[in-house]
PDB file of N, CA and C in Angstrom:
ATOM      1  N   MET A   1       1.279  -0.673  -0.083  1.00  0.00           N
ATOM      2  CA  MET A   1      -0.050  -0.101   0.715  1.00  0.00           C
ATOM      3  C   MET A   1       0.916   1.330  -0.203  1.00  0.00           C
ATOM      4  N   LEU A   2       0.426   2.103  -0.552  1.00  0.00           N
ATOM      5  CA  LEU A   2       1.213   3.543  -1.406  1.00  0.00           C
ATOM      6  C   LEU A   2       0.952   4.253   0.204  1.00  0.00           C
ATOM      7  N   LYS A   3       2.242   4.584   0.976  1.00  0.00           N
ATOM      8  CA  LYS A   3       1.631   6.201   2.128  1.00  0.00           C
ATOM      9  C   LYS A   3       2.220   6.961   1.674  1.00  0.00           C
ATOM     10  N   VAL A   4       1.157   7.746   1.525  1.00  0.00           N
ATOM     11  CA  VAL A   4       1.255   9.478   1.337  1.00  0.00           C
ATOM     12  C   VAL A   4       1.599  10.025   3.238  1.00  0.00           C
ATOM     13  N   PRO A   5       2.345  10.407   3.135  1.00  0.00           N
ATOM     14  CA  PRO A   5       2.450  11.754   4.301  1.00  0.00           C
ATOM     15  C   PRO A   5       1.490  12.923   4.658  1.00  0.00           C
ATOM     16  N   PHE A   6       0.758  12.470   5.692  1.00  0.00           N
ATOM     17  CA  PHE A   6      -0.219  13.292   6.012  1.00  0.00           C
ATOM     18  C   PHE A   6       0.127  14.634   5.755  1.00  0.00           C
ATOM     19  N   ALA A   7       0.597  15.279   5.815  1.00  0.00           N
ATOM     20  CA  ALA A   7       1.040  16.782   5.974  1.00  0.00           C
ATOM     21  C   ALA A   7       0.819  16.687   4.091  1.00  0.00           C
ATOM     22  N   LEU A   8       1.559  16.482   3.434  1.00  0.00           N
ATOM     23  CA  LEU A   8       1.375  16.546   1.830  1.00  0.00           C
ATOM     24  C   LEU A   8      -0.456  16.394   1.195  1.00  0.00           C
ATOM     25  N   VAL A   9      -0.158  15.475   2.271  1.00  0.00           N
ATOM     26  CA  VAL A   9      -2.366  15.149   1.739  1.00  0.00           C
ATOM     27  C   VAL A   9      -2.763  16.595   2.159  1.00  0.00           C
ATOM     28  N   SER A  10      -2.520  16.681   2.991  1.00  0.00           N
ATOM     29  CA  SER A  10      -3.618  18.112   4.037  1.00  0.00           C
ATOM     30  C   SER A  10      -3.329  19.236   2.935  1.00  0.00           C
ATOM     31  N   VAL A  11      -2.248  19.517   2.680  1.00  0.00           N
ATOM     32  CA  VAL A  11      -1.947  20.639   1.537  1.00  0.00           C
ATOM     33  C   VAL A  11      -2.501  20.413   0.225  1.00  0.00           C
ATOM     34  N   LEU A  12      -2.718  19.531  -0.238  1.00  0.00           N
ATOM     35  CA  LEU A  12      -3.343  19.607  -1.408  1.00  0.00           C
ATOM     36  C   LEU A  12      -5.067  19.892  -1.043  1.00  0.00           C
ATOM     37  N   ALA A  13      -5.314  18.726   0.129  1.00  0.00           N
ATOM     38  CA  ALA A  13      -6.414  18.678   0.493  1.00  0.00           C
ATOM     39  C   ALA A  13      -7.581  20.123   0.917  1.00  0.00           C
ATOM     40  N   ILE A  14      -6.501  20.998   1.241  1.00  0.00           N
ATOM     41  CA  ILE A  14      -7.717  21.980   1.572  1.00  0.00           C
ATOM     42  C   ILE A  14      -7.953  22.974   0.449  1.00  0.00           C
ATOM     43  N   PRO A  15      -6.917  23.530  -0.173  1.00  0.00           N
ATOM     44  CA  PRO A  15      -6.875  24.072  -1.339  1.00  0.00           C
ATOM     45  C   PRO A  15      -9.138  23.848  -2.033  1.00  0.00           C
ATOM     46  N   LEU A  16      -9.107  22.495  -2.021  1.00  0.00           N
ATOM     47  CA  LEU A  16     -10.086  21.936  -2.295  1.00  0.00           C
ATOM     48  C   LEU A  16     -11.106  22.217  -1.783  1.00  0.00           C
ATOM     49  N   TRP A  17     -11.449  21.930  -0.126  1.00  0.00           N
ATOM     50  CA  TRP A  17     -12.599  22.024   0.543  1.00  0.00           C
ATOM     51  C   TRP A  17     -12.415  23.242   1.290  1.00  0.00           C
ATOM     52  N   VAL A  18     -11.276  24.245   0.966  1.00  0.00           N
ATOM     53  CA  VAL A  18     -11.561  26.235   0.899  1.00  0.00           C
ATOM     54  C   VAL A  18     -12.550  26.737  -0.152  1.00  0.00           C
ATOM     55  N   MET A  19     -12.472  26.367  -1.667  1.00  0.00           N
ATOM     56  CA  MET A  19     -12.751  27.160  -3.188  1.00  0.00           C
ATOM     57  C   MET A  19     -14.075  27.190  -2.708  1.00  0.00           C
ATOM     58  N   PRO A  20     -14.689  28.625  -2.985  1.00  0.00           N
ATOM     59  CA  PRO A  20     -15.819  27.455  -3.433  1.00  0.00           C
ATOM     60  C   PRO A  20     -15.908  27.019  -4.712  1.00  0.00           C
ATOM     61  N   ALA A  21     -17.830  26.551  -5.052  1.00  0.00           N
ATOM     62  CA  ALA A  21     -16.993  25.401  -5.966  1.00  0.00           C
ATOM     63  C   ALA A  21     -18.309  26.831  -7.396  1.00  0.00           C
ATOM     64  N   GLY A  22     -17.463  26.085  -8.396  1.00  0.00           N
ATOM     65  CA  GLY A  22     -18.135  27.028  -9.195  1.00  0.00           C
ATOM     66  C   GLY A  22     -19.205  27.494 -10.446  1.00  0.00           C
ATOM     67  N   ALA A  23     -19.863  25.947 -10.299  1.00  0.00           N
ATOM     68  CA  ALA A  23     -21.209  25.931 -10.655  1.00  0.00           C
ATOM     69  C   ALA A  23     -22.081  25.437  -9.492  1.00  0.00           C
ATOM     70  N   ALA A  24     -21.346  26.357  -7.850  1.00  0.00           N
ATOM     71  CA  ALA A  24     -23.241  26.142  -7.893  1.00  0.00           C
ATOM     72  C   ALA A  24     -24.029  27.345  -7.723  1.00  0.00           C
ATOM     73  N   MET A  25     -25.224  27.095  -7.156  1.00  0.00           N
ATOM     74  CA  MET A  25     -26.942  28.134  -7.931  1.00  0.00           C
ATOM     75  C   MET A  25     -26.571  29.408  -7.095  1.00  0.00           C
ATOM     76  N   THR A  26     -27.162  30.214  -7.797  1.00  0.00           N
ATOM     77  CA  THR A  26     -26.700  31.378  -6.334  1.00  0.00           C
ATOM     78  C   THR A  26     -28.667  31.125  -6.087  1.00  0.00           C
ATOM     79  N   ASP A  27     -28.131  32.365  -5.008  1.00  0.00           N
ATOM     80  CA  ASP A  27     -29.864  32.865  -4.008  1.00  0.00           C
ATOM     81  C   ASP A  27     -30.806  32.908  -5.686  1.00  0.00           C
ATOM     82  N   LYS A  28     -30.330  34.085  -6.401  1.00  0.00           N
ATOM     83  CA  LYS A  28     -31.762  33.841  -7.439  1.00  0.00           C
ATOM     84  C   LYS A  28     -32.266  32.816  -8.015  1.00  0.00           C
ATOM     85  N   ASP A  29     -30.811  32.472  -8.473  1.00  0.00           N
ATOM     86  CA  ASP A  29     -31.426  30.759  -9.230  1.00  0.00           C
ATOM     87  C   ASP A  29     -32.079  30.008  -8.352  1.00  0.00           C
ATOM     88  N   LYS A  30     -32.027  29.925  -6.986  1.00  0.00           N
ATOM     89  CA  LYS A  30     -32.408  29.382  -6.777  1.00  0.00           C
ATOM     90  C   LYS A  30     -34.035  29.469  -6.296  1.00  0.00           C
ATOM     91  N   ALA A  31     -33.945  30.522  -6.260  1.00  0.00           N
ATOM     92  CA  ALA A  31     -35.222  31.413  -6.033  1.00  0.00           C
ATOM     93  C   ALA A  31     -36.277  31.136  -7.598  1.00  0.00           C
ATOM     94  N   GLU A  32     -36.016  31.395  -8.939  1.00  0.00           N
ATOM     95  CA  GLU A  32     -36.385  30.959  -9.275  1.00  0.00           C
ATOM     96  C   GLU A  32     -36.789  29.973 -10.124  1.00  0.00           C
ATOM     97  N   LEU A  33     -35.942  28.595  -9.487  1.00  0.00           N
ATOM     98  CA  LEU A  33     -36.213  26.887  -9.700  1.00  0.00           C
ATOM     99  C   LEU A  33     -36.921  26.111  -8.384  1.00  0.00           C
ATOM    100  N   ALA A  34     -37.103  27.502  -7.759  1.00  0.00           N
ATOM    101  CA  ALA A  34     -38.011  26.467  -6.911  1.00  0.00           C
ATOM    102  C   ALA A  34     -39.455  26.249  -7.163  1.00  0.00           C
ATOM    103  N   PRO A  35     -39.907  27.542  -7.733  1.00  0.00           N
ATOM    104  CA  PRO A  35     -41.364  27.064  -8.021  1.00  0.00           C
ATOM    105  C   PRO A  35     -41.690  25.792  -8.833  1.00  0.00           C
ATOM    106  N   VAL A  36     -40.472  26.035  -9.814  1.00  0.00           N
ATOM    107  CA  VAL A  36     -40.370  25.354 -11.029  1.00  0.00           C
ATOM    108  C   VAL A  36     -40.478  23.841 -10.323  1.00  0.00           C
ATOM    109  N   VAL A  37     -39.904  23.437  -9.524  1.00  0.00           N
ATOM    110  CA  VAL A  37     -39.958  21.934  -9.581  1.00  0.00           C
ATOM    111  C   VAL A  37     -41.045  21.882  -8.437  1.00  0.00           C
ATOM    112  N   ALA A  38     -41.476  22.604  -7.915  1.00  0.00           N
ATOM    113  CA  ALA A  38     -42.210  22.711  -6.475  1.00  0.00           C
ATOM    114  C   ALA A  38     -43.828  22.277  -7.439  1.00  0.00           C
ATOM    115  N   GLY A  39     -44.146  22.750  -8.912  1.00  0.00           N
ATOM    116  CA  GLY A  39     -45.201  23.413  -9.773  1.00  0.00           C
ATOM    117  C   GLY A  39     -44.899  21.836 -11.126  1.00  0.00           C
ATOM    118  N   ALA A  40     -43.508  20.814 -11.274  1.00  0.00           N
ATOM    119  CA  ALA A  40     -43.772  20.062 -12.539  1.00  0.00           C
ATOM    120  C   ALA A  40     -44.735  19.230 -11.791  1.00  0.00           C
ATOM    121  N   LYS A  41     -44.929  18.538 -12.775  1.00  0.00           N
ATOM    122  CA  LYS A  41     -45.850  17.234 -13.030  1.00  0.00           C
ATOM    123  C   LYS A  41     -45.152  16.489 -13.825  1.00  0.00           C
ATOM    124  N   VAL A  42     -43.584  16.040 -13.805  1.00  0.00           N
ATOM    125  CA  VAL A  42     -43.109  14.713 -13.954  1.00  0.00           C
ATOM    126  C   VAL A  42     -42.236  15.086 -13.280  1.00  0.00           C
ATOM    127  N   THR A  43     -41.077  13.893 -12.438  1.00  0.00           N
ATOM    128  CA  THR A  43     -40.103  13.876 -12.294  1.00  0.00           C
ATOM    129  C   THR A  43     -38.881  13.346 -12.645  1.00  0.00           C
ATOM    130  N   LEU A  44     -38.337  13.297 -12.206  1.00  0.00           N
ATOM    131  CA  LEU A  44     -36.763  13.350 -12.684  1.00  0.00           C
ATOM    132  C   LEU A  44     -36.696  11.846 -12.963  1.00  0.00           C
ATOM    133  N   GLU A  45     -37.166  10.732 -12.213  1.00  0.00           N
ATOM    134  CA  GLU A  45     -37.890   9.572 -12.954  1.00  0.00           C
ATOM    135  C   GLU A  45     -38.114   9.397 -14.176  1.00  0.00           C
ATOM    136  N   GLN A  46     -39.256  10.084 -14.038  1.00  0.00           N
ATOM    137  CA  GLN A  46     -39.984  10.121 -14.830  1.00  0.00           C
ATOM    138  C   GLN A  46     -39.679  10.829 -16.488  1.00  0.00           C
ATOM    139  N   GLY A  47     -38.461  12.184 -16.537  1.00  0.00           N
ATOM    140  CA  GLY A  47     -37.763  12.281 -17.602  1.00  0.00           C
ATOM    141  C   GLY A  47     -36.590  11.396 -17.846  1.00  0.00           C
ATOM    142  N   LEU A  48     -36.111  10.951 -16.509  1.00  0.00           N
ATOM    143  CA  LEU A  48     -34.951   9.630 -17.561  1.00  0.00           C
ATOM    144  C   LEU A  48     -36.073   8.498 -18.367  1.00  0.00           C
ATOM    145  N   ALA A  49     -36.728   8.000 -17.603  1.00  0.00           N
ATOM    146  CA  ALA A  49     -38.114   7.252 -18.078  1.00  0.00           C
ATOM    147  C   ALA A  49     -37.532   7.243 -19.940  1.00  0.00           C
ATOM    148  N   ALA A  50     -38.141   9.057 -20.157  1.00  0.00           N
ATOM    149  CA  ALA A  50     -38.375   9.384 -21.241  1.00  0.00           C
ATOM    150  C   ALA A  50     -37.577   9.212 -22.669  1.00  0.00           C
ATOM    151  N   SER A  51     -36.615   9.995 -21.421  1.00  0.00           N
ATOM    152  CA  SER A  51     -35.201   9.600 -22.721  1.00  0.00           C
ATOM    153  C   SER A  51     -34.571   8.760 -22.828  1.00  0.00           C
ATOM    154  N   LYS A  52     -34.547   7.295 -22.594  1.00  0.00           N
ATOM    155  CA  LYS A  52     -34.321   6.673 -22.967  1.00  0.00           C
ATOM    156  C   LYS A  52     -34.501   6.288 -24.559  1.00  0.00           C
ATOM    157  N   LYS A  53     -35.489   6.230 -25.516  1.00  0.00           N
ATOM    158  CA  LYS A  53     -35.483   6.092 -26.359  1.00  0.00           C
ATOM    159  C   LYS A  53     -34.531   6.838 -27.597  1.00  0.00           C
ATOM    160  N   ASN A  54     -33.931   7.881 -26.787  1.00  0.00           N
ATOM    161  CA  ASN A  54     -32.786   8.579 -27.401  1.00  0.00           C
ATOM    162  C   ASN A  54     -31.661   8.455 -26.818  1.00  0.00           C
ATOM    163  N   GLY A  55     -31.076   7.234 -25.924  1.00  0.00           N
ATOM    164  CA  GLY A  55     -30.191   6.764 -25.628  1.00  0.00           C
ATOM    165  C   GLY A  55     -30.080   6.431 -24.173  1.00  0.00           C
ATOM    166  N   LYS A  56     -28.960   5.932 -23.531  1.00  0.00           N
ATOM    167  CA  LYS A  56     -29.061   5.716 -22.347  1.00  0.00           C
ATOM    168  C   LYS A  56     -28.662   7.000 -20.732  1.00  0.00           C
ATOM    169  N   PRO A  57     -29.863   7.006 -20.235  1.00  0.00           N
ATOM    170  CA  PRO A  57     -29.592   8.820 -19.799  1.00  0.00           C
ATOM    171  C   PRO A  57     -29.029   7.783 -18.239  1.00  0.00           C
ATOM    172  N   VAL A  58     -28.581   9.104 -17.901  1.00  0.00           N
ATOM    173  CA  VAL A  58     -27.456   9.322 -16.963  1.00  0.00           C
ATOM    174  C   VAL A  58     -27.094   9.605 -15.618  1.00  0.00           C
ATOM    175  N   SER A  59     -28.383  11.311 -16.564  1.00  0.00           N
ATOM    176  CA  SER A  59     -27.731  12.722 -15.174  1.00  0.00           C
ATOM    177  C   SER A  59     -28.984  13.347 -15.972  1.00  0.00           C
ATOM    178  N   ALA A  60     -30.263  13.835 -14.987  1.00  0.00           N
ATOM    179  CA  ALA A  60     -30.736  14.630 -15.447  1.00  0.00           C
ATOM    180  C   ALA A  60     -31.430  16.028 -14.305  1.00  0.00           C
ATOM    181  N   LYS A  61     -31.722  17.134 -14.712  1.00  0.00           N
ATOM    182  CA  LYS A  61     -31.537  18.558 -14.122  1.00  0.00           C
ATOM    183  C   LYS A  61     -33.061  18.951 -13.990  1.00  0.00           C
ATOM    184  N   PHE A  62     -33.553  20.013 -13.654  1.00  0.00           N
ATOM    185  CA  PHE A  62     -34.541  21.304 -13.636  1.00  0.00           C
ATOM    186  C   PHE A  62     -33.736  22.277 -13.793  1.00  0.00           C
ATOM    187  N   GLU A  63     -34.084  23.113 -14.820  1.00  0.00           N
ATOM    188  CA  GLU A  63     -33.589  24.219 -15.051  1.00  0.00           C
ATOM    189  C   GLU A  63     -34.032  25.104 -15.473  1.00  0.00           C
ATOM    190  N   ILE A  64     -33.527  26.974 -15.361  1.00  0.00           N
ATOM    191  CA  ILE A  64     -33.846  27.613 -16.262  1.00  0.00           C
ATOM    192  C   ILE A  64     -33.185  27.577 -17.237  1.00  0.00           C
ATOM    193  N   GLU A  65     -33.500  27.980 -18.946  1.00  0.00           N
ATOM    194  CA  GLU A  65     -32.241  27.852 -19.631  1.00  0.00           C
ATOM    195  C   GLU A  65     -33.564  29.271 -20.714  1.00  0.00           C
ATOM    196  N   ASN A  66     -32.737  30.532 -20.470  1.00  0.00           N
ATOM    197  CA  ASN A  66     -33.304  30.980 -21.434  1.00  0.00           C
ATOM    198  C   ASN A  66     -34.347  31.672 -20.480  1.00  0.00           C
ATOM    199  N   GLY A  67     -34.490  31.964 -19.667  1.00  0.00           N
ATOM    200  CA  GLY A  67     -35.456  32.945 -19.216  1.00  0.00           C
ATOM    201  C   GLY A  67     -37.246  31.310 -18.911  1.00  0.00           C
ATOM    202  N   LYS A  68     -36.438  30.158 -19.304  1.00  0.00           N
ATOM    203  CA  LYS A  68     -37.636  29.443 -19.350  1.00  0.00           C
ATOM    204  C   LYS A  68     -37.501  27.697 -19.031  1.00  0.00           C
ATOM    205  N   PRO A  69     -38.068  27.306 -18.122  1.00  0.00           N
ATOM    206  CA  PRO A  69     -38.051  25.939 -17.208  1.00  0.00           C
ATOM    207  C   PRO A  69     -37.352  25.179 -18.283  1.00  0.00           C
ATOM    208  N   GLN A  70     -36.914  24.541 -17.751  1.00  0.00           N
ATOM    209  CA  GLN A  70     -36.876  23.123 -18.682  1.00  0.00           C
ATOM    210  C   GLN A  70     -36.390  21.676 -17.679  1.00  0.00           C
ATOM    211  N   LEU A  71     -36.500  20.411 -18.204  1.00  0.00           N
ATOM    212  CA  LEU A  71     -35.954  19.213 -17.338  1.00  0.00           C
ATOM    213  C   LEU A  71     -35.418  18.656 -18.215  1.00  0.00           C
ATOM    214  N   SER A  72     -34.341  18.612 -17.717  1.00  0.00           N
ATOM    215  CA  SER A  72     -32.439  18.310 -19.348  1.00  0.00           C
ATOM    216  C   SER A  72     -32.209  16.655 -18.236  1.00  0.00           C
ATOM    217  N   VAL A  73     -32.361  16.295 -19.687  1.00  0.00           N
ATOM    218  CA  VAL A  73     -31.752  15.033 -19.592  1.00  0.00           C
ATOM    219  C   VAL A  73     -30.126  14.297 -20.410  1.00  0.00           C
ATOM    220  N   TYR A  74     -29.392  13.851 -19.933  1.00  0.00           N
ATOM    221  CA  TYR A  74     -28.382  13.878 -20.015  1.00  0.00           C
ATOM    222  C   TYR A  74     -28.160  12.491 -20.875  1.00  0.00           C
ATOM    223  N   THR A  75     -27.820  12.103 -22.066  1.00  0.00           N
ATOM    224  CA  THR A  75     -27.644  10.677 -21.744  1.00  0.00           C
ATOM    225  C   THR A  75     -26.686  10.475 -22.807  1.00  0.00           C
ATOM    226  N   ILE A  76     -26.494   8.993 -22.817  1.00  0.00           N
ATOM    227  CA  ILE A  76     -25.151   8.014 -24.045  1.00  0.00           C
ATOM    228  C   ILE A  76     -25.623   7.583 -24.610  1.00  0.00           C
ATOM    229  N   LYS A  77     -24.597   7.881 -26.229  1.00  0.00           N
ATOM    230  CA  LYS A  77     -25.535   7.165 -27.048  1.00  0.00           C
ATOM    231  C   LYS A  77     -23.863   5.615 -28.100  1.00  0.00           C
ATOM    232  N   ASP A  78     -23.831   4.150 -28.282  1.00  0.00           N
ATOM    233  CA  ASP A  78     -22.589   3.819 -28.507  1.00  0.00           C
ATOM    234  C   ASP A  78     -21.317   4.721 -27.775  1.00  0.00           C
ATOM    235  N   GLY A  79     -21.236   3.806 -26.394  1.00  0.00           N
ATOM    236  CA  GLY A  79     -20.408   4.303 -25.366  1.00  0.00           C
ATOM    237  C   GLY A  79     -19.725   5.658 -25.396  1.00  0.00           C
ATOM    238  N   SER A  80     -19.749   6.892 -26.053  1.00  0.00           N
ATOM    239  CA  SER A  80     -18.787   7.464 -26.448  1.00  0.00           C
ATOM    240  C   SER A  80     -19.710   9.125 -26.202  1.00  0.00           C
ATOM    241  N   LYS A  81     -20.570   8.704 -27.028  1.00  0.00           N
ATOM    242  CA  LYS A  81     -22.279  10.575 -27.516  1.00  0.00           C
ATOM    243  C   LYS A  81     -22.734  10.492 -26.781  1.00  0.00           C
ATOM    244  N   TYR A  82     -22.510  11.754 -25.766  1.00  0.00           N
ATOM    245  CA  TYR A  82     -23.221  12.211 -24.997  1.00  0.00           C
ATOM    246  C   TYR A  82     -24.626  13.142 -25.846  1.00  0.00           C
ATOM    247  N   PHE A  83     -25.830  13.406 -24.971  1.00  0.00           N
ATOM    248  CA  PHE A  83     -26.945  13.918 -25.828  1.00  0.00           C
ATOM    249  C   PHE A  83     -27.518  14.546 -24.455  1.00  0.00           C
ATOM    250  N   GLU A  84     -27.694  15.922 -25.132  1.00  0.00           N
ATOM    251  CA  GLU A  84     -29.272  16.721 -23.732  1.00  0.00           C
ATOM    252  C   GLU A  84     -29.983  16.749 -24.656  1.00  0.00           C
ATOM    253  N   VAL A  85     -30.757  15.740 -23.818  1.00  0.00           N
ATOM    254  CA  VAL A  85     -33.127  15.981 -24.306  1.00  0.00           C
ATOM    255  C   VAL A  85     -33.492  16.476 -23.856  1.00  0.00           C
ATOM    256  N   ILE A  86     -34.414  17.085 -24.172  1.00  0.00           N
ATOM    257  CA  ILE A  86     -35.194  18.359 -23.381  1.00  0.00           C
ATOM    258  C   ILE A  86     -36.386  18.046 -23.130  1.00  0.00           C
ATOM    259  N   VAL A  87     -36.918  17.685 -21.674  1.00  0.00           N
ATOM    260  CA  VAL A  87     -38.370  17.296 -21.540  1.00  0.00           C
ATOM    261  C   VAL A  87     -39.191  18.098 -21.065  1.00  0.00           C
ATOM    262  N   ASP A  88     -40.270  18.285 -21.399  1.00  0.00           N
ATOM    263  CA  ASP A  88     -41.506  18.901 -21.442  1.00  0.00           C
ATOM    264  C   ASP A  88     -41.690  18.963 -19.926  1.00  0.00           C
ATOM    265  N   HIS A  89     -41.588  19.487 -18.482  1.00  0.00           N
ATOM    266  CA  HIS A  89     -41.331  19.000 -17.433  1.00  0.00           C
ATOM    267  C   HIS A  89     -43.227  19.743 -17.001  1.00  0.00           C
ATOM    268  N   THR A  90     -44.030  19.760 -17.976  1.00  0.00           N
ATOM    269  CA  THR A  90     -45.200  19.542 -17.472  1.00  0.00           C
ATOM    270  C   THR A  90     -46.565  18.319 -17.766  1.00  0.00           C
ATOM    271  N   SER A  91     -45.756  17.752 -19.181  1.00  0.00           N
ATOM    272  CA  SER A  91     -46.448  16.710 -20.195  1.00  0.00           C
ATOM    273  C   SER A  91     -45.415  15.528 -20.079  1.00  0.00           C
ATOM    274  N   GLY A  92     -43.999  15.645 -19.665  1.00  0.00           N
ATOM    275  CA  GLY A  92     -42.623  14.593 -19.789  1.00  0.00           C
ATOM    276  C   GLY A  92     -42.956  14.033 -21.458  1.00  0.00           C
ATOM    277  N   GLU A  93     -43.090  15.016 -22.464  1.00  0.00           N
ATOM    278  CA  GLU A  93     -43.239  14.779 -23.607  1.00  0.00           C
ATOM    279  C   GLU A  93     -41.520  15.445 -23.916  1.00  0.00           C
ATOM    280  N   ILE A  94     -40.730  14.568 -24.937  1.00  0.00           N
ATOM    281  CA  ILE A  94     -39.505  15.410 -24.989  1.00  0.00           C
ATOM    282  C   ILE A  94     -39.892  16.876 -26.184  1.00  0.00           C
ATOM    283  N   ARG A  95     -39.078  17.294 -26.281  1.00  0.00           N
ATOM    284  CA  ARG A  95     -39.247  18.876 -26.405  1.00  0.00           C
ATOM    285  C   ARG A  95     -38.163  18.934 -28.106  1.00  0.00           C
ATOM    286  N   SER A  96     -37.105  18.527 -27.371  1.00  0.00           N
ATOM    287  CA  SER A  96     -35.848  18.240 -28.331  1.00  0.00           C
ATOM    288  C   SER A  96     -35.030  17.012 -28.403  1.00  0.00           C
ATOM    289  N   PRO A  97     -35.145  16.737 -29.333  1.00  0.00           N
ATOM    290  CA  PRO A  97     -34.706  15.082 -28.900  1.00  0.00           C
ATOM    291  C   PRO A  97     -33.057  14.445 -28.357  1.00  0.00           C
ATOM    292  N   GLY A  98     -32.181  15.279 -28.517  1.00  0.00           N
ATOM    293  CA  GLY A  98     -31.079  15.285 -28.033  1.00  0.00           C
ATOM    294  C   GLY A  98     -30.007  16.005 -29.312  1.00  0.00           C
ATOM    295  N   ALA A  99     -29.348  17.282 -27.609  1.00  0.00           N
ATOM    296  CA  ALA A  99     -28.687  17.844 -29.487  1.00  0.00           C
ATOM    297  C   ALA A  99     -26.916  16.563 -28.860  1.00  0.00           C
ATOM    298  N   MET A 100     -25.924  16.612 -29.667  1.00  0.00           N
ATOM    299  CA  MET A 100     -24.893  16.686 -28.729  1.00  0.00           C
ATOM    300  C   MET A 100     -24.102  16.821 -27.731  1.00  0.00           C
ATOM    301  N   ILE A 101     -23.789  16.886 -27.182  1.00  0.00           N
ATOM    302  CA  ILE A 101     -22.192  17.549 -26.395  1.00  0.00           C
ATOM    303  C   ILE A 101     -21.144  17.047 -26.590  1.00  0.00           C
TER     304      ILE A 101
END
């Protein structure tokens, strides 16, 4: 087993622990998104299931894009091609079949 000095681990770990996350949501973002999630008729699980015909779903999230709420599901095809599938958060229908990312 590899032994790494505790001091070295501490020096490397502290900046990661102290740094704020760059992708963290602001309070304004949270305030905009809260009513969307509360009023959504489609769950993340249902969004993942709806996107299966566009690849294997790996992640999903509610978000505000261009001022409009959406449910984004990220899928993978052929083991290396990633797509974003937009699912209507009120009906569960696919709005965008998958833009490659």
